[in-house]
Amino acid sequence: MTKQITAPMAGTMWKVLVQEGERFAAGQSLAILESMKMEIPIESEVDGTVDKIMAPEGTVVDEGSVVLTWF
């Protein structure tokens, strides 16, 4: 079953720190969102594997937009 990680606020995806198929650990930064001239890390709460990156670097996202899916 695929799960989702969403943007905590509106902004621009500044940097994606993982690739599709990459394993990640709880607490790991997966991406950095730029909003209001601040860099906001998007971190994982659990271990998993990246399925698909839905918001590549440069993408403008709204709060709650899916950034990536994982399993």
PDB file of N, CA and C in Angstrom:
ATOM      1  N   MET A   1       0.842  -1.184   0.000  1.00  0.00           N
ATOM      2  CA  MET A   1       0.000   0.000   0.000  1.00  0.00           C
ATOM      3  C   MET A   1       0.886   1.245   0.000  1.00  0.00           C
ATOM      4  N   THR A   2       0.645   2.144  -0.926  1.00  0.00           N
ATOM      5  CA  THR A   2       1.423   3.369  -1.049  1.00  0.00           C
ATOM      6  C   THR A   2       0.881   4.438  -0.113  1.00  0.00           C
ATOM      7  N   LYS A   3       1.795   5.151   0.544  1.00  0.00           N
ATOM      8  CA  LYS A   3       1.425   6.229   1.463  1.00  0.00           C
ATOM      9  C   LYS A   3       1.963   7.543   0.911  1.00  0.00           C
ATOM     10  N   GLN A   4       1.547   8.664   1.515  1.00  0.00           N
ATOM     11  CA  GLN A   4       1.919   9.974   0.984  1.00  0.00           C
ATOM     12  C   GLN A   4       2.591  10.841   2.038  1.00  0.00           C
ATOM     13  N   ILE A   5       3.512  11.671   1.579  1.00  0.00           N
ATOM     14  CA  ILE A   5       4.084  12.737   2.402  1.00  0.00           C
ATOM     15  C   ILE A   5       3.668  14.037   1.731  1.00  0.00           C
ATOM     16  N   THR A   6       3.113  14.956   2.526  1.00  0.00           N
ATOM     17  CA  THR A   6       2.556  16.192   1.981  1.00  0.00           C
ATOM     18  C   THR A   6       3.335  17.420   2.445  1.00  0.00           C
ATOM     19  N   ALA A   7       3.149  18.517   1.720  1.00  0.00           N
ATOM     20  CA  ALA A   7       3.796  19.785   2.056  1.00  0.00           C
ATOM     21  C   ALA A   7       3.139  20.390   3.296  1.00  0.00           C
ATOM     22  N   PRO A   8       3.937  20.822   4.271  1.00  0.00           N
ATOM     23  CA  PRO A   8       3.373  21.405   5.484  1.00  0.00           C
ATOM     24  C   PRO A   8       2.821  22.815   5.279  1.00  0.00           C
ATOM     25  N   MET A   9       3.239  23.469   4.188  1.00  0.00           N
ATOM     26  CA  MET A   9       2.754  24.808   3.871  1.00  0.00           C
ATOM     27  C   MET A   9       3.004  25.071   2.392  1.00  0.00           C
ATOM     28  N   ALA A  10       2.415  26.131   1.861  1.00  0.00           N
ATOM     29  CA  ALA A  10       2.604  26.488   0.455  1.00  0.00           C
ATOM     30  C   ALA A  10       4.028  26.996   0.244  1.00  0.00           C
ATOM     31  N   GLY A  11       4.584  26.705  -0.921  1.00  0.00           N
ATOM     32  CA  GLY A  11       5.925  27.182  -1.240  1.00  0.00           C
ATOM     33  C   GLY A  11       6.440  26.533  -2.510  1.00  0.00           C
ATOM     34  N   THR A  12       7.748  26.589  -2.689  1.00  0.00           N
ATOM     35  CA  THR A  12       8.410  26.006  -3.848  1.00  0.00           C
ATOM     36  C   THR A  12       9.354  24.910  -3.379  1.00  0.00           C
ATOM     37  N   MET A  13       9.300  23.763  -4.061  1.00  0.00           N
ATOM     38  CA  MET A  13      10.225  22.677  -3.730  1.00  0.00           C
ATOM     39  C   MET A  13      11.625  23.133  -4.122  1.00  0.00           C
ATOM     40  N   TRP A  14      12.443  23.418  -3.119  1.00  0.00           N
ATOM     41  CA  TRP A  14      13.775  23.951  -3.365  1.00  0.00           C
ATOM     42  C   TRP A  14      14.760  22.831  -3.669  1.00  0.00           C
ATOM     43  N   LYS A  15      14.688  21.737  -2.894  1.00  0.00           N
ATOM     44  CA  LYS A  15      15.631  20.637  -3.062  1.00  0.00           C
ATOM     45  C   LYS A  15      14.967  19.324  -2.667  1.00  0.00           C
ATOM     46  N   VAL A  16      15.088  18.317  -3.518  1.00  0.00           N
ATOM     47  CA  VAL A  16      14.635  16.960  -3.189  1.00  0.00           C
ATOM     48  C   VAL A  16      15.892  16.170  -2.836  1.00  0.00           C
ATOM     49  N   LEU A  17      15.919  15.599  -1.651  1.00  0.00           N
ATOM     50  CA  LEU A  17      17.124  14.967  -1.120  1.00  0.00           C
ATOM     51  C   LEU A  17      17.164  13.454  -1.296  1.00  0.00           C
ATOM     52  N   VAL A  18      16.113  12.869  -1.853  1.00  0.00           N
ATOM     53  CA  VAL A  18      16.041  11.422  -2.069  1.00  0.00           C
ATOM     54  C   VAL A  18      15.667  11.145  -3.522  1.00  0.00           C
ATOM     55  N   GLN A  19      15.840   9.902  -3.927  1.00  0.00           N
ATOM     56  CA  GLN A  19      15.478   9.471  -5.277  1.00  0.00           C
ATOM     57  C   GLN A  19      14.458   8.348  -5.192  1.00  0.00           C
ATOM     58  N   GLU A  20      13.734   8.139  -6.279  1.00  0.00           N
ATOM     59  CA  GLU A  20      12.775   7.041  -6.326  1.00  0.00           C
ATOM     60  C   GLU A  20      13.516   5.725  -6.102  1.00  0.00           C
ATOM     61  N   GLY A  21      12.948   4.870  -5.256  1.00  0.00           N
ATOM     62  CA  GLY A  21      13.554   3.586  -4.930  1.00  0.00           C
ATOM     63  C   GLY A  21      14.507   3.632  -3.746  1.00  0.00           C
ATOM     64  N   GLU A  22      14.817   4.828  -3.263  1.00  0.00           N
ATOM     65  CA  GLU A  22      15.751   4.978  -2.142  1.00  0.00           C
ATOM     66  C   GLU A  22      15.055   4.727  -0.807  1.00  0.00           C
ATOM     67  N   ARG A  23      15.748   4.006   0.081  1.00  0.00           N
ATOM     68  CA  ARG A  23      15.227   3.775   1.435  1.00  0.00           C
ATOM     69  C   ARG A  23      15.556   4.990   2.288  1.00  0.00           C
ATOM     70  N   PHE A  24      14.671   5.293   3.237  1.00  0.00           N
ATOM     71  CA  PHE A  24      14.908   6.398   4.161  1.00  0.00           C
ATOM     72  C   PHE A  24      14.546   5.972   5.573  1.00  0.00           C
ATOM     73  N   ALA A  25      15.076   6.708   6.545  1.00  0.00           N
ATOM     74  CA  ALA A  25      14.872   6.382   7.957  1.00  0.00           C
ATOM     75  C   ALA A  25      14.020   7.448   8.630  1.00  0.00           C
ATOM     76  N   ALA A  26      13.388   7.082   9.722  1.00  0.00           N
ATOM     77  CA  ALA A  26      12.609   8.038  10.506  1.00  0.00           C
ATOM     78  C   ALA A  26      13.505   9.206  10.902  1.00  0.00           C
ATOM     79  N   GLY A  27      12.992  10.427  10.738  1.00  0.00           N
ATOM     80  CA  GLY A  27      13.735  11.629  11.087  1.00  0.00           C
ATOM     81  C   GLY A  27      14.611  12.168   9.974  1.00  0.00           C
ATOM     82  N   GLN A  28      14.721  11.433   8.872  1.00  0.00           N
ATOM     83  CA  GLN A  28      15.553  11.867   7.752  1.00  0.00           C
ATOM     84  C   GLN A  28      14.853  12.967   6.962  1.00  0.00           C
ATOM     85  N   SER A  29      15.605  13.992   6.555  1.00  0.00           N
ATOM     86  CA  SER A  29      15.060  15.034   5.681  1.00  0.00           C
ATOM     87  C   SER A  29      14.942  14.467   4.269  1.00  0.00           C
ATOM     88  N   LEU A  30      13.749  14.587   3.687  1.00  0.00           N
ATOM     89  CA  LEU A  30      13.489  14.053   2.352  1.00  0.00           C
ATOM     90  C   LEU A  30      13.528  15.141   1.292  1.00  0.00           C
ATOM     91  N   ALA A  31      13.168  16.358   1.685  1.00  0.00           N
ATOM     92  CA  ALA A  31      13.128  17.484   0.754  1.00  0.00           C
ATOM     93  C   ALA A  31      13.173  18.777   1.555  1.00  0.00           C
ATOM     94  N   ILE A  32      13.452  19.870   0.847  1.00  0.00           N
ATOM     95  CA  ILE A  32      13.442  21.185   1.481  1.00  0.00           C
ATOM     96  C   ILE A  32      12.499  22.077   0.689  1.00  0.00           C
ATOM     97  N   LEU A  33      11.549  22.657   1.399  1.00  0.00           N
ATOM     98  CA  LEU A  33      10.544  23.549   0.828  1.00  0.00           C
ATOM     99  C   LEU A  33      10.951  24.984   1.141  1.00  0.00           C
ATOM    100  N   GLU A  34      10.901  25.860   0.140  1.00  0.00           N
ATOM    101  CA  GLU A  34      11.184  27.278   0.359  1.00  0.00           C
ATOM    102  C   GLU A  34       9.860  28.011   0.420  1.00  0.00           C
ATOM    103  N   SER A  35       9.658  28.737   1.511  1.00  0.00           N
ATOM    104  CA  SER A  35       8.421  29.486   1.689  1.00  0.00           C
ATOM    105  C   SER A  35       8.718  30.741   2.497  1.00  0.00           C
ATOM    106  N   MET A  36       8.296  31.872   2.000  1.00  0.00           N
ATOM    107  CA  MET A  36       8.501  33.152   2.683  1.00  0.00           C
ATOM    108  C   MET A  36       9.973  33.359   3.042  1.00  0.00           C
ATOM    109  N   LYS A  37      10.863  32.992   2.103  1.00  0.00           N
ATOM    110  CA  LYS A  37      12.316  33.131   2.255  1.00  0.00           C
ATOM    111  C   LYS A  37      12.893  32.274   3.378  1.00  0.00           C
ATOM    112  N   MET A  38      12.135  31.255   3.796  1.00  0.00           N
ATOM    113  CA  MET A  38      12.624  30.294   4.790  1.00  0.00           C
ATOM    114  C   MET A  38      12.760  28.931   4.117  1.00  0.00           C
ATOM    115  N   GLU A  39      13.699  28.133   4.597  1.00  0.00           N
ATOM    116  CA  GLU A  39      13.856  26.762   4.129  1.00  0.00           C
ATOM    117  C   GLU A  39      13.255  25.838   5.179  1.00  0.00           C
ATOM    118  N   ILE A  40      12.230  25.087   4.776  1.00  0.00           N
ATOM    119  CA  ILE A  40      11.520  24.199   5.694  1.00  0.00           C
ATOM    120  C   ILE A  40      11.819  22.749   5.303  1.00  0.00           C
ATOM    121  N   PRO A  41      12.515  21.991   6.176  1.00  0.00           N
ATOM    122  CA  PRO A  41      12.771  20.589   5.850  1.00  0.00           C
ATOM    123  C   PRO A  41      11.489  19.763   5.961  1.00  0.00           C
ATOM    124  N   ILE A  42      11.328  18.842   5.028  1.00  0.00           N
ATOM    125  CA  ILE A  42      10.228  17.877   5.085  1.00  0.00           C
ATOM    126  C   ILE A  42      10.867  16.563   5.516  1.00  0.00           C
ATOM    127  N   GLU A  43      10.529  16.119   6.721  1.00  0.00           N
ATOM    128  CA  GLU A  43      11.162  14.945   7.309  1.00  0.00           C
ATOM    129  C   GLU A  43      10.192  13.778   7.409  1.00  0.00           C
ATOM    130  N   SER A  44      10.763  12.583   7.382  1.00  0.00           N
ATOM    131  CA  SER A  44       9.969  11.367   7.528  1.00  0.00           C
ATOM    132  C   SER A  44       9.737  11.062   8.999  1.00  0.00           C
ATOM    133  N   GLU A  45       8.558  10.577   9.306  1.00  0.00           N
ATOM    134  CA  GLU A  45       8.253  10.156  10.675  1.00  0.00           C
ATOM    135  C   GLU A  45       8.531   8.671  10.888  1.00  0.00           C
ATOM    136  N   VAL A  46       8.684   7.920   9.788  1.00  0.00           N
ATOM    137  CA  VAL A  46       8.903   6.467   9.858  1.00  0.00           C
ATOM    138  C   VAL A  46       9.921   6.040   8.797  1.00  0.00           C
ATOM    139  N   ASP A  47      10.380   4.791   8.876  1.00  0.00           N
ATOM    140  CA  ASP A  47      11.244   4.220   7.842  1.00  0.00           C
ATOM    141  C   ASP A  47      10.395   3.855   6.630  1.00  0.00           C
ATOM    142  N   GLY A  48      10.980   3.904   5.442  1.00  0.00           N
ATOM    143  CA  GLY A  48      10.252   3.514   4.239  1.00  0.00           C
ATOM    144  C   GLY A  48      11.130   3.570   3.008  1.00  0.00           C
ATOM    145  N   THR A  49      10.492   3.437   1.845  1.00  0.00           N
ATOM    146  CA  THR A  49      11.165   3.500   0.552  1.00  0.00           C
ATOM    147  C   THR A  49      10.384   4.445  -0.351  1.00  0.00           C
ATOM    148  N   VAL A  50      11.091   5.355  -1.015  1.00  0.00           N
ATOM    149  CA  VAL A  50      10.440   6.310  -1.914  1.00  0.00           C
ATOM    150  C   VAL A  50       9.853   5.553  -3.099  1.00  0.00           C
ATOM    151  N   ASP A  51       8.575   5.772  -3.372  1.00  0.00           N
ATOM    152  CA  ASP A  51       7.910   5.184  -4.530  1.00  0.00           C
ATOM    153  C   ASP A  51       8.007   6.145  -5.712  1.00  0.00           C
ATOM    154  N   LYS A  52       7.433   7.346  -5.566  1.00  0.00           N
ATOM    155  CA  LYS A  52       7.409   8.316  -6.669  1.00  0.00           C
ATOM    156  C   LYS A  52       7.523   9.730  -6.116  1.00  0.00           C
ATOM    157  N   ILE A  53       8.363  10.531  -6.743  1.00  0.00           N
ATOM    158  CA  ILE A  53       8.478  11.947  -6.388  1.00  0.00           C
ATOM    159  C   ILE A  53       7.420  12.693  -7.192  1.00  0.00           C
ATOM    160  N   MET A  54       6.476  13.291  -6.489  1.00  0.00           N
ATOM    161  CA  MET A  54       5.338  13.957  -7.122  1.00  0.00           C
ATOM    162  C   MET A  54       5.586  15.451  -7.344  1.00  0.00           C
ATOM    163  N   ALA A  55       6.543  16.038  -6.611  1.00  0.00           N
ATOM    164  CA  ALA A  55       6.837  17.469  -6.721  1.00  0.00           C
ATOM    165  C   ALA A  55       8.348  17.639  -6.873  1.00  0.00           C
ATOM    166  N   PRO A  56       8.850  17.581  -8.116  1.00  0.00           N
ATOM    167  CA  PRO A  56      10.293  17.751  -8.318  1.00  0.00           C
ATOM    168  C   PRO A  56      10.740  19.180  -7.985  1.00  0.00           C
ATOM    169  N   GLU A  57      12.040  19.375  -7.930  1.00  0.00           N
ATOM    170  CA  GLU A  57      12.594  20.690  -7.616  1.00  0.00           C
ATOM    171  C   GLU A  57      12.023  21.753  -8.550  1.00  0.00           C
ATOM    172  N   GLY A  58      11.656  22.901  -7.968  1.00  0.00           N
ATOM    173  CA  GLY A  58      11.098  24.009  -8.734  1.00  0.00           C
ATOM    174  C   GLY A  58       9.584  24.019  -8.794  1.00  0.00           C
ATOM    175  N   THR A  59       8.941  22.948  -8.347  1.00  0.00           N
ATOM    176  CA  THR A  59       7.485  22.860  -8.370  1.00  0.00           C
ATOM    177  C   THR A  59       6.879  23.724  -7.267  1.00  0.00           C
ATOM    178  N   VAL A  60       5.868  24.513  -7.612  1.00  0.00           N
ATOM    179  CA  VAL A  60       5.124  25.287  -6.621  1.00  0.00           C
ATOM    180  C   VAL A  60       4.032  24.379  -6.061  1.00  0.00           C
ATOM    181  N   VAL A  61       3.978  24.281  -4.727  1.00  0.00           N
ATOM    182  CA  VAL A  61       3.004  23.403  -4.073  1.00  0.00           C
ATOM    183  C   VAL A  61       2.143  24.192  -3.095  1.00  0.00           C
ATOM    184  N   ASP A  62       0.940  23.706  -2.880  1.00  0.00           N
ATOM    185  CA  ASP A  62       0.044  24.260  -1.869  1.00  0.00           C
ATOM    186  C   ASP A  62       0.201  23.452  -0.589  1.00  0.00           C
ATOM    187  N   GLU A  63      -0.248  23.997   0.516  1.00  0.00           N
ATOM    188  CA  GLU A  63      -0.264  23.249   1.766  1.00  0.00           C
ATOM    189  C   GLU A  63      -1.087  21.982   1.565  1.00  0.00           C
ATOM    190  N   GLY A  64      -0.542  20.842   1.943  1.00  0.00           N
ATOM    191  CA  GLY A  64      -1.244  19.571   1.801  1.00  0.00           C
ATOM    192  C   GLY A  64      -1.021  18.867   0.478  1.00  0.00           C
ATOM    193  N   SER A  65      -0.310  19.511  -0.466  1.00  0.00           N
ATOM    194  CA  SER A  65      -0.008  18.857  -1.745  1.00  0.00           C
ATOM    195  C   SER A  65       0.906  17.654  -1.509  1.00  0.00           C
ATOM    196  N   VAL A  66       0.709  16.603  -2.283  1.00  0.00           N
ATOM    197  CA  VAL A  66       1.549  15.407  -2.159  1.00  0.00           C
ATOM    198  C   VAL A  66       2.930  15.707  -2.741  1.00  0.00           C
ATOM    199  N   VAL A  67       3.953  15.524  -1.915  1.00  0.00           N
ATOM    200  CA  VAL A  67       5.337  15.754  -2.318  1.00  0.00           C
ATOM    201  C   VAL A  67       5.939  14.463  -2.869  1.00  0.00           C
ATOM    202  N   LEU A  68       5.690  13.358  -2.163  1.00  0.00           N
ATOM    203  CA  LEU A  68       6.153  12.064  -2.645  1.00  0.00           C
ATOM    204  C   LEU A  68       5.289  10.961  -2.058  1.00  0.00           C
ATOM    205  N   THR A  69       5.328   9.816  -2.730  1.00  0.00           N
ATOM    206  CA  THR A  69       4.637   8.639  -2.216  1.00  0.00           C
ATOM    207  C   THR A  69       5.706   7.639  -1.788  1.00  0.00           C
ATOM    208  N   TRP A  70       5.336   6.777  -0.836  1.00  0.00           N
ATOM    209  CA  TRP A  70       6.292   5.812  -0.308  1.00  0.00           C
ATOM    210  C   TRP A  70       5.583   4.542   0.129  1.00  0.00           C
ATOM    211  N   PHE A  71       6.382   3.512   0.360  1.00  0.00           N
ATOM    212  CA  PHE A  71       5.849   2.249   0.888  1.00  0.00           C
ATOM    213  C   PHE A  71       6.809   1.693   1.899  1.00  0.00           C
TER     214      PHE A  71
END
